[in-house]
Amino acid sequence: MTKAELIAAVAAKGGYTKKDAEKALSTVVDVISDALVNGDKVTLVGFGTFETRQRAAKEGKNPQTKEVIKIPAKKVPAFKAGKALKDAVNK
């Protein structure tokens, strides 16, 4: 499902205009992104949890030259599905 399809589905299911649905979706994504940038965890009960995780530094290989390179440590966004979402998917 693309962003446009998601906006159309939210508008249809919620009885909103596409413009209002797009504004709401953009706002939710912005708020979640801002929280993750600040190191906060966002928990939507029944849906899941968005958080950042620390990925350790490691060594990798350049596939073209086979040269060993150092990959620095970094933070990555992560999502863990909640029980209700898992149950709905496996229904």
N, C-alpha and C. Protein backbone atom coordinates (compact mmCIF):
# COMPACT_ATOMS: atom_id res chain seq x y z
N MET A 1 0.85 -1.17 0.00
CA MET A 1 0.00 0.00 0.00
C MET A 1 0.89 1.24 0.00
N THR A 2 0.64 2.12 -0.91
CA THR A 2 1.41 3.36 -0.99
C THR A 2 0.81 4.40 -0.05
N LYS A 3 1.51 5.52 0.11
CA LYS A 3 1.01 6.59 0.96
C LYS A 3 -0.32 7.12 0.43
N ALA A 4 -0.41 7.27 -0.89
CA ALA A 4 -1.65 7.77 -1.50
C ALA A 4 -2.81 6.80 -1.26
N GLU A 5 -2.55 5.51 -1.36
CA GLU A 5 -3.58 4.51 -1.10
C GLU A 5 -3.99 4.51 0.37
N LEU A 6 -3.02 4.70 1.26
CA LEU A 6 -3.32 4.78 2.70
C LEU A 6 -4.19 5.99 3.00
N ILE A 7 -3.85 7.12 2.41
CA ILE A 7 -4.64 8.33 2.61
C ILE A 7 -6.07 8.12 2.12
N ALA A 8 -6.22 7.51 0.95
CA ALA A 8 -7.56 7.25 0.41
C ALA A 8 -8.35 6.31 1.31
N ALA A 9 -7.69 5.28 1.86
CA ALA A 9 -8.36 4.32 2.74
C ALA A 9 -8.78 4.98 4.04
N VAL A 10 -7.92 5.83 4.61
CA VAL A 10 -8.27 6.54 5.85
C VAL A 10 -9.44 7.48 5.59
N ALA A 11 -9.41 8.18 4.47
CA ALA A 11 -10.49 9.11 4.13
C ALA A 11 -11.81 8.36 3.98
N ALA A 12 -11.78 7.23 3.30
CA ALA A 12 -13.01 6.46 3.07
C ALA A 12 -13.54 5.85 4.37
N LYS A 13 -12.66 5.26 5.16
CA LYS A 13 -13.10 4.57 6.37
C LYS A 13 -13.52 5.55 7.46
N GLY A 14 -12.86 6.71 7.54
CA GLY A 14 -13.16 7.67 8.58
C GLY A 14 -14.15 8.74 8.19
N GLY A 15 -14.52 8.78 6.92
CA GLY A 15 -15.45 9.81 6.47
C GLY A 15 -14.81 11.19 6.38
N TYR A 16 -13.51 11.24 6.11
CA TYR A 16 -12.78 12.49 6.00
C TYR A 16 -12.54 12.82 4.52
N THR A 17 -12.16 14.06 4.28
CA THR A 17 -11.71 14.39 2.93
C THR A 17 -10.28 13.86 2.80
N LYS A 18 -9.84 13.67 1.56
CA LYS A 18 -8.48 13.21 1.36
C LYS A 18 -7.47 14.23 1.89
N LYS A 19 -7.79 15.49 1.77
CA LYS A 19 -6.90 16.55 2.25
C LYS A 19 -6.74 16.47 3.77
N ASP A 20 -7.86 16.26 4.49
CA ASP A 20 -7.80 16.13 5.95
C ASP A 20 -7.06 14.86 6.36
N ALA A 21 -7.31 13.77 5.64
CA ALA A 21 -6.64 12.51 5.95
C ALA A 21 -5.13 12.63 5.73
N GLU A 22 -4.73 13.31 4.65
CA GLU A 22 -3.31 13.50 4.36
C GLU A 22 -2.65 14.36 5.44
N LYS A 23 -3.34 15.40 5.87
CA LYS A 23 -2.81 16.27 6.92
C LYS A 23 -2.65 15.50 8.22
N ALA A 24 -3.63 14.68 8.58
CA ALA A 24 -3.57 13.89 9.81
C ALA A 24 -2.43 12.88 9.74
N LEU A 25 -2.31 12.17 8.62
CA LEU A 25 -1.25 11.17 8.47
C LEU A 25 0.13 11.83 8.52
N SER A 26 0.30 12.95 7.85
CA SER A 26 1.58 13.65 7.87
C SER A 26 1.93 14.12 9.28
N THR A 27 0.94 14.58 10.01
CA THR A 27 1.17 15.03 11.38
C THR A 27 1.60 13.87 12.27
N VAL A 28 0.93 12.73 12.15
CA VAL A 28 1.28 11.56 12.95
C VAL A 28 2.70 11.10 12.64
N VAL A 29 3.06 11.03 11.37
CA VAL A 29 4.40 10.61 10.97
C VAL A 29 5.44 11.60 11.50
N ASP A 30 5.15 12.90 11.41
CA ASP A 30 6.08 13.91 11.90
C ASP A 30 6.29 13.80 13.41
N VAL A 31 5.21 13.60 14.15
CA VAL A 31 5.31 13.50 15.61
C VAL A 31 6.10 12.26 16.02
N ILE A 32 5.84 11.13 15.36
CA ILE A 32 6.60 9.90 15.65
C ILE A 32 8.07 10.10 15.30
N SER A 33 8.35 10.70 14.16
CA SER A 33 9.74 10.96 13.75
C SER A 33 10.46 11.87 14.74
N ASP A 34 9.80 12.94 15.17
CA ASP A 34 10.39 13.86 16.14
C ASP A 34 10.69 13.15 17.46
N ALA A 35 9.78 12.30 17.89
CA ALA A 35 9.99 11.56 19.14
C ALA A 35 11.20 10.63 19.03
N LEU A 36 11.34 9.95 17.91
CA LEU A 36 12.47 9.04 17.71
C LEU A 36 13.79 9.82 17.64
N VAL A 37 13.78 10.97 17.00
CA VAL A 37 14.98 11.80 16.92
C VAL A 37 15.42 12.22 18.33
N ASN A 38 14.44 12.48 19.20
CA ASN A 38 14.73 12.89 20.57
C ASN A 38 15.04 11.71 21.50
N GLY A 39 15.02 10.50 20.96
CA GLY A 39 15.34 9.32 21.76
C GLY A 39 14.16 8.76 22.53
N ASP A 40 12.96 9.25 22.26
CA ASP A 40 11.76 8.76 22.95
C ASP A 40 11.22 7.52 22.28
N LYS A 41 10.42 6.78 23.03
CA LYS A 41 9.75 5.59 22.52
C LYS A 41 8.28 5.96 22.34
N VAL A 42 7.66 5.51 21.25
CA VAL A 42 6.24 5.78 20.99
C VAL A 42 5.50 4.45 21.03
N THR A 43 4.59 4.32 22.00
CA THR A 43 3.84 3.08 22.16
C THR A 43 2.38 3.32 21.82
N LEU A 44 1.87 2.58 20.86
CA LEU A 44 0.45 2.62 20.51
C LEU A 44 -0.12 1.28 20.95
N VAL A 45 -0.82 1.27 22.07
CA VAL A 45 -1.32 0.03 22.66
C VAL A 45 -2.18 -0.71 21.66
N GLY A 46 -1.88 -1.99 21.48
CA GLY A 46 -2.61 -2.83 20.54
C GLY A 46 -2.02 -2.81 19.14
N PHE A 47 -1.20 -1.82 18.84
CA PHE A 47 -0.60 -1.73 17.50
C PHE A 47 0.88 -2.07 17.55
N GLY A 48 1.64 -1.32 18.36
CA GLY A 48 3.06 -1.62 18.45
C GLY A 48 3.85 -0.46 19.03
N THR A 49 5.17 -0.63 19.02
CA THR A 49 6.08 0.35 19.60
C THR A 49 7.15 0.75 18.60
N PHE A 50 7.32 2.04 18.45
CA PHE A 50 8.40 2.60 17.64
C PHE A 50 9.50 3.04 18.60
N GLU A 51 10.76 2.69 18.30
CA GLU A 51 11.87 3.09 19.14
C GLU A 51 13.14 3.15 18.32
N THR A 52 14.20 3.67 18.93
CA THR A 52 15.50 3.65 18.28
C THR A 52 16.35 2.61 18.98
N ARG A 53 17.19 1.96 18.21
CA ARG A 53 18.12 0.97 18.75
C ARG A 53 19.52 1.32 18.30
N GLN A 54 20.48 1.01 19.13
CA GLN A 54 21.88 1.29 18.83
C GLN A 54 22.46 0.10 18.07
N ARG A 55 23.02 0.35 16.93
CA ARG A 55 23.69 -0.69 16.15
C ARG A 55 25.19 -0.53 16.36
N ALA A 56 25.86 -1.60 16.76
CA ALA A 56 27.29 -1.56 17.08
C ALA A 56 28.13 -1.36 15.82
N ALA A 57 29.33 -0.84 16.03
CA ALA A 57 30.28 -0.71 14.92
C ALA A 57 30.72 -2.11 14.49
N LYS A 58 31.04 -2.26 13.23
CA LYS A 58 31.46 -3.56 12.74
C LYS A 58 32.35 -3.38 11.52
N GLU A 59 32.95 -4.48 11.11
CA GLU A 59 33.76 -4.47 9.90
C GLU A 59 32.97 -5.12 8.78
N GLY A 60 33.10 -4.55 7.59
CA GLY A 60 32.45 -5.10 6.42
C GLY A 60 33.45 -5.17 5.29
N LYS A 61 32.99 -5.69 4.15
CA LYS A 61 33.86 -5.78 2.98
C LYS A 61 33.21 -5.07 1.81
N ASN A 62 34.02 -4.31 1.09
CA ASN A 62 33.57 -3.70 -0.14
C ASN A 62 33.44 -4.84 -1.15
N PRO A 63 32.25 -5.09 -1.70
CA PRO A 63 32.08 -6.23 -2.59
C PRO A 63 32.87 -6.14 -3.89
N GLN A 64 33.22 -4.94 -4.31
CA GLN A 64 33.98 -4.80 -5.56
C GLN A 64 35.47 -5.03 -5.37
N THR A 65 36.01 -4.45 -4.28
CA THR A 65 37.46 -4.53 -4.09
C THR A 65 37.87 -5.55 -3.03
N LYS A 66 36.92 -6.09 -2.30
CA LYS A 66 37.15 -7.03 -1.19
C LYS A 66 37.94 -6.38 -0.05
N GLU A 67 38.04 -5.05 -0.08
CA GLU A 67 38.75 -4.32 0.96
C GLU A 67 37.90 -4.29 2.23
N VAL A 68 38.54 -4.51 3.38
CA VAL A 68 37.85 -4.45 4.66
C VAL A 68 37.64 -2.98 5.03
N ILE A 69 36.40 -2.65 5.39
CA ILE A 69 36.09 -1.27 5.78
C ILE A 69 35.43 -1.29 7.15
N LYS A 70 35.54 -0.19 7.87
CA LYS A 70 34.91 -0.08 9.18
C LYS A 70 33.56 0.61 9.00
N ILE A 71 32.53 -0.01 9.54
CA ILE A 71 31.19 0.56 9.51
C ILE A 71 30.93 1.13 10.90
N PRO A 72 30.69 2.43 11.02
CA PRO A 72 30.55 3.05 12.34
C PRO A 72 29.24 2.65 13.04
N ALA A 73 29.22 2.79 14.36
CA ALA A 73 28.01 2.56 15.14
C ALA A 73 26.99 3.63 14.78
N LYS A 74 25.72 3.28 14.88
CA LYS A 74 24.68 4.26 14.58
C LYS A 74 23.37 3.85 15.22
N LYS A 75 22.46 4.80 15.29
CA LYS A 75 21.10 4.53 15.78
C LYS A 75 20.22 4.21 14.59
N VAL A 76 19.31 3.26 14.77
CA VAL A 76 18.38 2.91 13.70
C VAL A 76 16.96 2.86 14.27
N PRO A 77 15.96 3.27 13.49
CA PRO A 77 14.59 3.16 13.97
C PRO A 77 14.13 1.71 13.91
N ALA A 78 13.27 1.33 14.86
CA ALA A 78 12.78 -0.04 14.91
C ALA A 78 11.30 -0.02 15.29
N PHE A 79 10.58 -1.04 14.86
CA PHE A 79 9.17 -1.20 15.19
C PHE A 79 8.94 -2.60 15.71
N LYS A 80 8.25 -2.71 16.83
CA LYS A 80 7.89 -4.02 17.37
C LYS A 80 6.37 -4.08 17.42
N ALA A 81 5.80 -5.03 16.72
CA ALA A 81 4.34 -5.16 16.65
C ALA A 81 3.78 -5.58 18.00
N GLY A 82 2.62 -5.04 18.33
CA GLY A 82 1.92 -5.40 19.56
C GLY A 82 1.14 -6.70 19.39
N LYS A 83 0.69 -7.26 20.50
CA LYS A 83 0.00 -8.54 20.49
C LYS A 83 -1.27 -8.50 19.65
N ALA A 84 -2.06 -7.45 19.77
CA ALA A 84 -3.31 -7.36 19.01
C ALA A 84 -3.05 -7.34 17.51
N LEU A 85 -2.00 -6.63 17.08
CA LEU A 85 -1.66 -6.60 15.65
C LEU A 85 -1.18 -7.96 15.19
N LYS A 86 -0.34 -8.61 15.99
CA LYS A 86 0.13 -9.95 15.64
C LYS A 86 -1.02 -10.92 15.51
N ASP A 87 -1.95 -10.86 16.46
CA ASP A 87 -3.11 -11.75 16.43
C ASP A 87 -3.98 -11.49 15.21
N ALA A 88 -4.18 -10.21 14.85
CA ALA A 88 -4.99 -9.87 13.68
C ALA A 88 -4.36 -10.37 12.39
N VAL A 89 -3.03 -10.28 12.30
CA VAL A 89 -2.33 -10.73 11.10
C VAL A 89 -2.39 -12.25 10.98
N ASN A 90 -2.32 -12.94 12.10
CA ASN A 90 -2.31 -14.41 12.11
C ASN A 90 -3.68 -15.04 12.22
N LYS A 91 -4.72 -14.26 12.10
CA LYS A 91 -6.09 -14.75 12.22
C LYS A 91 -6.47 -15.65 11.08
